[in-house]
């Protein structure tokens, strides 16, 4: 079966009529359904979990920033003959 025969099959498709009042039944069903809210315990658990994660991130940030050992880092950089500049080219 070549492509022209397959395309000719598409011409045989006919429009199908929907059952009467189908759209009104669908709208009525959507309007009658209630919005379901999450339980209060879930909201509290999610809020406290997010607060805990945020507190951990902030505490780790301050611990890391206060423990910067620049002398040790500089010693390692000079020992390994590395550059501590972000230049791409040596001029």
PDB file of N, CA and C in Angstrom:
ATOM      1  N   UNK A   1       0.845  -1.167   0.000  1.00  0.00           N
ATOM      2  CA  UNK A   1       0.000   0.000   0.000  1.00  0.00           C
ATOM      3  C   UNK A   1       0.896   1.237   0.000  1.00  0.00           C
ATOM      4  N   UNK A   2       0.761   2.065  -1.024  1.00  0.00           N
ATOM      5  CA  UNK A   2       1.603   3.257  -1.087  1.00  0.00           C
ATOM      6  C   UNK A   2       0.962   4.408  -0.315  1.00  0.00           C
ATOM      7  N   UNK A   3       1.641   5.503  -0.283  1.00  0.00           N
ATOM      8  CA  UNK A   3       1.222   6.635   0.544  1.00  0.00           C
ATOM      9  C   UNK A   3      -0.077   7.251   0.043  1.00  0.00           C
ATOM     10  N   UNK A   4      -0.293   7.251  -1.277  1.00  0.00           N
ATOM     11  CA  UNK A   4      -1.525   7.840  -1.820  1.00  0.00           C
ATOM     12  C   UNK A   4      -2.754   7.050  -1.378  1.00  0.00           C
ATOM     13  N   UNK A   5      -2.634   5.738  -1.344  1.00  0.00           N
ATOM     14  CA  UNK A   5      -3.759   4.919  -0.890  1.00  0.00           C
ATOM     15  C   UNK A   5      -4.050   5.156   0.592  1.00  0.00           C
ATOM     16  N   UNK A   6      -3.010   5.352   1.370  1.00  0.00           N
ATOM     17  CA  UNK A   6      -3.204   5.617   2.795  1.00  0.00           C
ATOM     18  C   UNK A   6      -3.877   6.966   3.010  1.00  0.00           C
ATOM     19  N   UNK A   7      -3.479   7.965   2.201  1.00  0.00           N
ATOM     20  CA  UNK A   7      -4.101   9.276   2.315  1.00  0.00           C
ATOM     21  C   UNK A   7      -5.546   9.258   1.839  1.00  0.00           C
ATOM     22  N   UNK A   8      -5.866   8.428   0.863  1.00  0.00           N
ATOM     23  CA  UNK A   8      -7.251   8.309   0.406  1.00  0.00           C
ATOM     24  C   UNK A   8      -8.148   7.714   1.489  1.00  0.00           C
ATOM     25  N   UNK A   9      -7.591   6.882   2.349  1.00  0.00           N
ATOM     26  CA  UNK A   9      -8.377   6.329   3.449  1.00  0.00           C
ATOM     27  C   UNK A   9      -8.837   7.427   4.404  1.00  0.00           C
ATOM     28  N   UNK A  10      -8.055   8.494   4.532  1.00  0.00           N
ATOM     29  CA  UNK A  10      -8.428   9.595   5.409  1.00  0.00           C
ATOM     30  C   UNK A  10      -9.643  10.356   4.899  1.00  0.00           C
ATOM     31  N   UNK A  11      -9.900  10.296   3.601  1.00  0.00           N
ATOM     32  CA  UNK A  11     -11.055  10.994   3.044  1.00  0.00           C
ATOM     33  C   UNK A  11     -12.365  10.304   3.416  1.00  0.00           C
ATOM     34  N   UNK A  12     -12.290   9.065   3.866  1.00  0.00           N
ATOM     35  CA  UNK A  12     -13.496   8.315   4.218  1.00  0.00           C
ATOM     36  C   UNK A  12     -13.962   8.601   5.653  1.00  0.00           C
ATOM     37  N   UNK A  13     -13.188   9.381   6.393  1.00  0.00           N
ATOM     38  CA  UNK A  13     -13.548   9.682   7.781  1.00  0.00           C
ATOM     39  C   UNK A  13     -14.743  10.629   7.780  1.00  0.00           C
ATOM     40  N   UNK A  14     -15.755  10.296   8.576  1.00  0.00           N
ATOM     41  CA  UNK A  14     -16.959  11.114   8.667  1.00  0.00           C
ATOM     42  C   UNK A  14     -17.089  11.703  10.066  1.00  0.00           C
ATOM     43  N   UNK A  15     -17.780  12.817  10.152  1.00  0.00           N
ATOM     44  CA  UNK A  15     -17.998  13.479  11.429  1.00  0.00           C
ATOM     45  C   UNK A  15     -18.998  12.666  12.255  1.00  0.00           C
ATOM     46  N   UNK A  16     -18.711  12.540  13.550  1.00  0.00           N
ATOM     47  CA  UNK A  16     -19.577  11.800  14.452  1.00  0.00           C
ATOM     48  C   UNK A  16     -20.311  12.802  15.334  1.00  0.00           C
ATOM     49  N   UNK A  17     -21.604  12.602  15.482  1.00  0.00           N
ATOM     50  CA  UNK A  17     -22.392  13.489  16.335  1.00  0.00           C
ATOM     51  C   UNK A  17     -22.250  13.065  17.786  1.00  0.00           C
ATOM     52  N   UNK A  18     -22.083  14.062  18.643  1.00  0.00           N
ATOM     53  CA  UNK A  18     -21.978  13.788  20.076  1.00  0.00           C
ATOM     54  C   UNK A  18     -23.368  13.540  20.645  1.00  0.00           C
ATOM     55  N   UNK A  19     -23.445  12.786  21.730  1.00  0.00           N
ATOM     56  CA  UNK A  19     -24.743  12.572  22.365  1.00  0.00           C
ATOM     57  C   UNK A  19     -25.344  13.909  22.811  1.00  0.00           C
ATOM     58  N   UNK A  20     -26.665  14.005  22.803  1.00  0.00           N
ATOM     59  CA  UNK A  20     -27.283  15.288  23.170  1.00  0.00           C
ATOM     60  C   UNK A  20     -26.994  15.643  24.625  1.00  0.00           C
ATOM     61  N   UNK A  21     -26.830  16.921  24.880  1.00  0.00           N
ATOM     62  CA  UNK A  21     -26.590  17.486  26.205  1.00  0.00           C
ATOM     63  C   UNK A  21     -25.304  16.980  26.852  1.00  0.00           C
ATOM     64  N   UNK A  22     -24.366  16.507  26.078  1.00  0.00           N
ATOM     65  CA  UNK A  22     -23.112  16.009  26.653  1.00  0.00           C
ATOM     66  C   UNK A  22     -22.304  17.152  27.263  1.00  0.00           C
ATOM     67  N   UNK A  23     -22.227  18.278  26.558  1.00  0.00           N
ATOM     68  CA  UNK A  23     -21.456  19.409  27.058  1.00  0.00           C
ATOM     69  C   UNK A  23     -22.056  19.944  28.357  1.00  0.00           C
ATOM     70  N   UNK A  24     -23.357  20.007  28.437  1.00  0.00           N
ATOM     71  CA  UNK A  24     -23.974  20.502  29.673  1.00  0.00           C
ATOM     72  C   UNK A  24     -23.747  19.534  30.819  1.00  0.00           C
ATOM     73  N   UNK A  25     -23.741  18.240  30.548  1.00  0.00           N
ATOM     74  CA  UNK A  25     -23.454  17.264  31.608  1.00  0.00           C
ATOM     75  C   UNK A  25     -22.017  17.378  32.100  1.00  0.00           C
ATOM     76  N   UNK A  26     -21.099  17.606  31.193  1.00  0.00           N
ATOM     77  CA  UNK A  26     -19.691  17.757  31.579  1.00  0.00           C
ATOM     78  C   UNK A  26     -19.524  19.008  32.427  1.00  0.00           C
ATOM     79  N   UNK A  27     -20.120  20.115  32.013  1.00  0.00           N
ATOM     80  CA  UNK A  27     -20.017  21.359  32.785  1.00  0.00           C
ATOM     81  C   UNK A  27     -20.643  21.205  34.169  1.00  0.00           C
ATOM     82  N   UNK A  28     -21.793  20.514  34.233  1.00  0.00           N
ATOM     83  CA  UNK A  28     -22.454  20.303  35.515  1.00  0.00           C
ATOM     84  C   UNK A  28     -21.586  19.460  36.443  1.00  0.00           C
ATOM     85  N   UNK A  29     -20.930  18.455  35.891  1.00  0.00           N
ATOM     86  CA  UNK A  29     -20.054  17.604  36.696  1.00  0.00           C
ATOM     87  C   UNK A  29     -18.861  18.399  37.227  1.00  0.00           C
ATOM     88  N   UNK A  30     -18.277  19.260  36.397  1.00  0.00           N
ATOM     89  CA  UNK A  30     -17.134  20.065  36.823  1.00  0.00           C
ATOM     90  C   UNK A  30     -17.542  21.079  37.896  1.00  0.00           C
ATOM     91  N   UNK A  31     -18.713  21.660  37.757  1.00  0.00           N
ATOM     92  CA  UNK A  31     -19.155  22.651  38.729  1.00  0.00           C
ATOM     93  C   UNK A  31     -19.567  22.014  40.051  1.00  0.00           C
ATOM     94  N   UNK A  32     -20.049  20.781  40.008  1.00  0.00           N
ATOM     95  CA  UNK A  32     -20.521  20.148  41.236  1.00  0.00           C
ATOM     96  C   UNK A  32     -19.375  19.551  42.062  1.00  0.00           C
ATOM     97  N   UNK A  33     -18.240  19.317  41.437  1.00  0.00           N
ATOM     98  CA  UNK A  33     -17.130  18.731  42.189  1.00  0.00           C
ATOM     99  C   UNK A  33     -16.529  19.783  43.123  1.00  0.00           C
ATOM    100  N   UNK A  34     -16.218  19.370  44.334  1.00  0.00           N
ATOM    101  CA  UNK A  34     -15.664  20.272  45.337  1.00  0.00           C
ATOM    102  C   UNK A  34     -14.142  20.300  45.235  1.00  0.00           C
ATOM    103  N   UNK A  35     -13.582  21.439  45.621  1.00  0.00           N
ATOM    104  CA  UNK A  35     -12.132  21.514  45.688  1.00  0.00           C
ATOM    105  C   UNK A  35     -11.683  20.831  46.967  1.00  0.00           C
ATOM    106  N   UNK A  36     -10.733  19.945  46.830  1.00  0.00           N
ATOM    107  CA  UNK A  36     -10.220  19.246  48.001  1.00  0.00           C
ATOM    108  C   UNK A  36      -8.931  19.918  48.446  1.00  0.00           C
ATOM    109  N   UNK A  37      -8.934  20.364  49.693  1.00  0.00           N
ATOM    110  CA  UNK A  37      -7.759  21.005  50.246  1.00  0.00           C
ATOM    111  C   UNK A  37      -6.920  19.981  50.999  1.00  0.00           C
ATOM    112  N   UNK A  38      -5.642  20.258  51.096  1.00  0.00           N
ATOM    113  CA  UNK A  38      -4.741  19.368  51.828  1.00  0.00           C
ATOM    114  C   UNK A  38      -5.062  19.450  53.320  1.00  0.00           C
ATOM    115  N   UNK A  39      -4.923  18.339  54.038  1.00  0.00           N
ATOM    116  CA  UNK A  39      -5.169  18.365  55.480  1.00  0.00           C
ATOM    117  C   UNK A  39      -4.191  19.301  56.196  1.00  0.00           C
ATOM    118  N   UNK A  40      -4.622  19.833  57.314  1.00  0.00           N
ATOM    119  CA  UNK A  40      -3.815  20.791  58.063  1.00  0.00           C
ATOM    120  C   UNK A  40      -2.507  20.165  58.535  1.00  0.00           C
ATOM    121  N   UNK A  41      -2.539  18.890  58.899  1.00  0.00           N
ATOM    122  CA  UNK A  41      -1.310  18.240  59.373  1.00  0.00           C
ATOM    123  C   UNK A  41      -0.266  18.178  58.266  1.00  0.00           C
ATOM    124  N   UNK A  42      -0.708  17.972  57.027  1.00  0.00           N
ATOM    125  CA  UNK A  42       0.238  17.949  55.918  1.00  0.00           C
ATOM    126  C   UNK A  42       0.844  19.333  55.699  1.00  0.00           C
ATOM    127  N   UNK A  43       0.009  20.363  55.821  1.00  0.00           N
ATOM    128  CA  UNK A  43       0.513  21.724  55.642  1.00  0.00           C
ATOM    129  C   UNK A  43       1.556  22.059  56.701  1.00  0.00           C
ATOM    130  N   UNK A  44       1.271  21.685  57.945  1.00  0.00           N
ATOM    131  CA  UNK A  44       2.212  21.961  59.039  1.00  0.00           C
ATOM    132  C   UNK A  44       3.499  21.173  58.837  1.00  0.00           C
ATOM    133  N   UNK A  45       3.380  19.908  58.435  1.00  0.00           N
ATOM    134  CA  UNK A  45       4.568  19.073  58.221  1.00  0.00           C
ATOM    135  C   UNK A  45       5.423  19.633  57.084  1.00  0.00           C
ATOM    136  N   UNK A  46       4.805  20.046  56.003  1.00  0.00           N
ATOM    137  CA  UNK A  46       5.552  20.608  54.878  1.00  0.00           C
ATOM    138  C   UNK A  46       6.232  21.916  55.271  1.00  0.00           C
ATOM    139  N   UNK A  47       5.514  22.775  55.981  1.00  0.00           N
ATOM    140  CA  UNK A  47       6.100  24.045  56.407  1.00  0.00           C
ATOM    141  C   UNK A  47       7.268  23.849  57.344  1.00  0.00           C
ATOM    142  N   UNK A  48       7.121  22.943  58.307  1.00  0.00           N
ATOM    143  CA  UNK A  48       8.230  22.714  59.242  1.00  0.00           C
ATOM    144  C   UNK A  48       9.410  22.042  58.550  1.00  0.00           C
ATOM    145  N   UNK A  49       9.146  21.171  57.602  1.00  0.00           N
ATOM    146  CA  UNK A  49      10.236  20.552  56.849  1.00  0.00           C
ATOM    147  C   UNK A  49      11.009  21.560  56.026  1.00  0.00           C
ATOM    148  N   UNK A  50      10.300  22.456  55.360  1.00  0.00           N
ATOM    149  CA  UNK A  50      10.974  23.490  54.576  1.00  0.00           C
ATOM    150  C   UNK A  50      11.753  24.448  55.471  1.00  0.00           C
ATOM    151  N   UNK A  51      11.191  24.762  56.621  1.00  0.00           N
ATOM    152  CA  UNK A  51      11.892  25.628  57.567  1.00  0.00           C
ATOM    153  C   UNK A  51      13.165  24.965  58.081  1.00  0.00           C
ATOM    154  N   UNK A  52      13.107  23.670  58.329  1.00  0.00           N
ATOM    155  CA  UNK A  52      14.280  22.924  58.789  1.00  0.00           C
ATOM    156  C   UNK A  52      15.374  22.904  57.726  1.00  0.00           C
ATOM    157  N   UNK A  53      14.991  22.666  56.488  1.00  0.00           N
ATOM    158  CA  UNK A  53      15.977  22.644  55.400  1.00  0.00           C
ATOM    159  C   UNK A  53      16.610  24.031  55.232  1.00  0.00           C
ATOM    160  N   UNK A  54      15.805  25.079  55.304  1.00  0.00           N
ATOM    161  CA  UNK A  54      16.343  26.434  55.174  1.00  0.00           C
ATOM    162  C   UNK A  54      17.299  26.755  56.324  1.00  0.00           C
ATOM    163  N   UNK A  55      16.947  26.339  57.552  1.00  0.00           N
ATOM    164  CA  UNK A  55      17.824  26.598  58.701  1.00  0.00           C
ATOM    165  C   UNK A  55      19.142  25.844  58.557  1.00  0.00           C
ATOM    166  N   UNK A  56      19.087  24.624  58.061  1.00  0.00           N
ATOM    167  CA  UNK A  56      20.325  23.859  57.839  1.00  0.00           C
ATOM    168  C   UNK A  56      21.206  24.529  56.791  1.00  0.00           C
ATOM    169  N   UNK A  57      20.603  25.005  55.719  1.00  0.00           N
ATOM    170  CA  UNK A  57      21.384  25.675  54.670  1.00  0.00           C
ATOM    171  C   UNK A  57      22.061  26.929  55.204  1.00  0.00           C
ATOM    172  N   UNK A  58      21.337  27.718  55.969  1.00  0.00           N
ATOM    173  CA  UNK A  58      21.910  28.954  56.518  1.00  0.00           C
ATOM    174  C   UNK A  58      23.025  28.635  57.508  1.00  0.00           C
ATOM    175  N   UNK A  59      22.810  27.644  58.363  1.00  0.00           N
ATOM    176  CA  UNK A  59      23.850  27.312  59.348  1.00  0.00           C
ATOM    177  C   UNK A  59      25.097  26.765  58.673  1.00  0.00           C
ATOM    178  N   UNK A  60      24.948  25.938  57.667  1.00  0.00           N
ATOM    179  CA  UNK A  60      26.114  25.418  56.941  1.00  0.00           C
ATOM    180  C   UNK A  60      26.851  26.558  56.246  1.00  0.00           C
ATOM    181  N   UNK A  61      26.113  27.509  55.694  1.00  0.00           N
ATOM    182  CA  UNK A  61      26.753  28.653  55.032  1.00  0.00           C
ATOM    183  C   UNK A  61      27.605  29.441  56.013  1.00  0.00           C
ATOM    184  N   UNK A  62      27.075  29.729  57.201  1.00  0.00           N
ATOM    185  CA  UNK A  62      27.833  30.516  58.167  1.00  0.00           C
ATOM    186  C   UNK A  62      28.994  29.727  58.748  1.00  0.00           C
ATOM    187  N   UNK A  63      28.850  28.427  58.922  1.00  0.00           N
ATOM    188  CA  UNK A  63      29.954  27.610  59.438  1.00  0.00           C
ATOM    189  C   UNK A  63      31.091  27.569  58.413  1.00  0.00           C
ATOM    190  N   UNK A  64      30.751  27.390  57.153  1.00  0.00           N
ATOM    191  CA  UNK A  64      31.776  27.337  56.105  1.00  0.00           C
ATOM    192  C   UNK A  64      32.477  28.672  55.941  1.00  0.00           C
ATOM    193  N   UNK A  65      31.733  29.769  56.016  1.00  0.00           N
ATOM    194  CA  UNK A  65      32.361  31.073  55.801  1.00  0.00           C
ATOM    195  C   UNK A  65      33.251  31.474  56.974  1.00  0.00           C
ATOM    196  N   UNK A  66      32.957  31.007  58.184  1.00  0.00           N
ATOM    197  CA  UNK A  66      33.787  31.373  59.330  1.00  0.00           C
ATOM    198  C   UNK A  66      35.038  30.497  59.445  1.00  0.00           C
ATOM    199  N   UNK A  67      35.056  29.346  58.800  1.00  0.00           N
ATOM    200  CA  UNK A  67      36.194  28.431  58.888  1.00  0.00           C
ATOM    201  C   UNK A  67      37.089  28.488  57.656  1.00  0.00           C
ATOM    202  N   UNK A  68      37.161  29.624  57.006  1.00  0.00           N
ATOM    203  CA  UNK A  68      38.006  29.694  55.811  1.00  0.00           C
ATOM    204  C   UNK A  68      39.471  29.790  56.234  1.00  0.00           C
ATOM    205  N   UNK A  69      40.238  28.834  55.826  1.00  0.00           N
ATOM    206  CA  UNK A  69      41.670  28.781  56.149  1.00  0.00           C
ATOM    207  C   UNK A  69      42.453  29.209  54.913  1.00  0.00           C
ATOM    208  N   UNK A  70      42.561  30.501  54.731  1.00  0.00           N
ATOM    209  CA  UNK A  70      43.217  30.998  53.527  1.00  0.00           C
ATOM    210  C   UNK A  70      44.706  30.690  53.521  1.00  0.00           C
ATOM    211  N   UNK A  71      45.330  30.619  54.682  1.00  0.00           N
ATOM    212  CA  UNK A  71      46.758  30.328  54.717  1.00  0.00           C
ATOM    213  C   UNK A  71      47.020  28.902  54.234  1.00  0.00           C
ATOM    214  N   UNK A  72      46.217  27.969  54.672  1.00  0.00           N
ATOM    215  CA  UNK A  72      46.396  26.581  54.230  1.00  0.00           C
ATOM    216  C   UNK A  72      46.112  26.433  52.748  1.00  0.00           C
ATOM    217  N   UNK A  73      45.106  27.116  52.271  1.00  0.00           N
ATOM    218  CA  UNK A  73      44.778  27.050  50.853  1.00  0.00           C
ATOM    219  C   UNK A  73      45.895  27.660  50.029  1.00  0.00           C
ATOM    220  N   UNK A  74      46.429  28.785  50.460  1.00  0.00           N
ATOM    221  CA  UNK A  74      47.532  29.441  49.746  1.00  0.00           C
ATOM    222  C   UNK A  74      48.767  28.547  49.724  1.00  0.00           C
ATOM    223  N   UNK A  75      49.033  27.832  50.807  1.00  0.00           N
ATOM    224  CA  UNK A  75      50.173  26.921  50.858  1.00  0.00           C
ATOM    225  C   UNK A  75      50.014  25.779  49.856  1.00  0.00           C
ATOM    226  N   UNK A  76      48.821  25.245  49.756  1.00  0.00           N
ATOM    227  CA  UNK A  76      48.570  24.162  48.797  1.00  0.00           C
ATOM    228  C   UNK A  76      48.717  24.672  47.377  1.00  0.00           C
ATOM    229  N   UNK A  77      48.220  25.869  47.102  1.00  0.00           N
ATOM    230  CA  UNK A  77      48.304  26.442  45.766  1.00  0.00           C
ATOM    231  C   UNK A  77      49.755  26.659  45.367  1.00  0.00           C
ATOM    232  N   UNK A  78      50.571  27.191  46.257  1.00  0.00           N
ATOM    233  CA  UNK A  78      51.977  27.421  45.913  1.00  0.00           C
ATOM    234  C   UNK A  78      52.759  26.123  45.825  1.00  0.00           C
ATOM    235  N   UNK A  79      52.425  25.131  46.625  1.00  0.00           N
ATOM    236  CA  UNK A  79      53.112  23.837  46.564  1.00  0.00           C
ATOM    237  C   UNK A  79      52.860  23.150  45.232  1.00  0.00           C
ATOM    238  N   UNK A  80      51.667  23.243  44.734  1.00  0.00           N
ATOM    239  CA  UNK A  80      51.315  22.562  43.482  1.00  0.00           C
ATOM    240  C   UNK A  80      51.555  23.436  42.254  1.00  0.00           C
ATOM    241  N   UNK A  81      52.181  24.588  42.435  1.00  0.00           N
ATOM    242  CA  UNK A  81      52.455  25.538  41.348  1.00  0.00           C
ATOM    243  C   UNK A  81      51.191  25.899  40.563  1.00  0.00           C
ATOM    244  N   UNK A  82      50.146  26.155  41.295  1.00  0.00           N
ATOM    245  CA  UNK A  82      48.884  26.550  40.675  1.00  0.00           C
ATOM    246  C   UNK A  82      48.715  28.055  40.788  1.00  0.00           C
ATOM    247  N   UNK A  83      47.843  28.595  39.965  1.00  0.00           N
ATOM    248  CA  UNK A  83      47.558  30.020  40.013  1.00  0.00           C
ATOM    249  C   UNK A  83      46.227  30.219  40.730  1.00  0.00           C
ATOM    250  N   UNK A  84      46.172  31.211  41.578  1.00  0.00           N
ATOM    251  CA  UNK A  84      44.926  31.488  42.274  1.00  0.00           C
ATOM    252  C   UNK A  84      44.146  32.609  41.606  1.00  0.00           C
ATOM    253  N   UNK A  85      44.497  32.938  40.371  1.00  0.00           N
ATOM    254  CA  UNK A  85      43.787  33.955  39.614  1.00  0.00           C
ATOM    255  C   UNK A  85      42.884  33.264  38.600  1.00  0.00           C
ATOM    256  N   UNK A  86      41.864  33.949  38.210  1.00  0.00           N
ATOM    257  CA  UNK A  86      40.915  33.397  37.247  1.00  0.00           C
ATOM    258  C   UNK A  86      41.172  33.896  35.833  1.00  0.00           C
ATOM    259  N   UNK A  87      42.416  34.134  35.505  1.00  0.00           N
ATOM    260  CA  UNK A  87      42.768  34.592  34.176  1.00  0.00           C
ATOM    261  C   UNK A  87      42.880  33.403  33.223  1.00  0.00           C
ATOM    262  N   UNK A  88      42.390  33.589  32.014  1.00  0.00           N
ATOM    263  CA  UNK A  88      42.489  32.525  31.034  1.00  0.00           C
ATOM    264  C   UNK A  88      43.845  32.535  30.318  1.00  0.00           C
ATOM    265  N   UNK A  89      44.443  33.711  30.206  1.00  0.00           N
ATOM    266  CA  UNK A  89      45.682  33.840  29.468  1.00  0.00           C
ATOM    267  C   UNK A  89      46.772  34.393  30.362  1.00  0.00           C
ATOM    268  N   UNK A  90      47.974  33.912  30.174  1.00  0.00           N
ATOM    269  CA  UNK A  90      49.123  34.457  30.907  1.00  0.00           C
ATOM    270  C   UNK A  90      49.698  35.601  30.089  1.00  0.00           C
ATOM    271  N   UNK A  91      49.716  36.746  30.667  1.00  0.00           N
ATOM    272  CA  UNK A  91      50.241  37.911  29.937  1.00  0.00           C
ATOM    273  C   UNK A  91      51.509  38.402  30.557  1.00  0.00           C
TER     274      UNK A  91
END
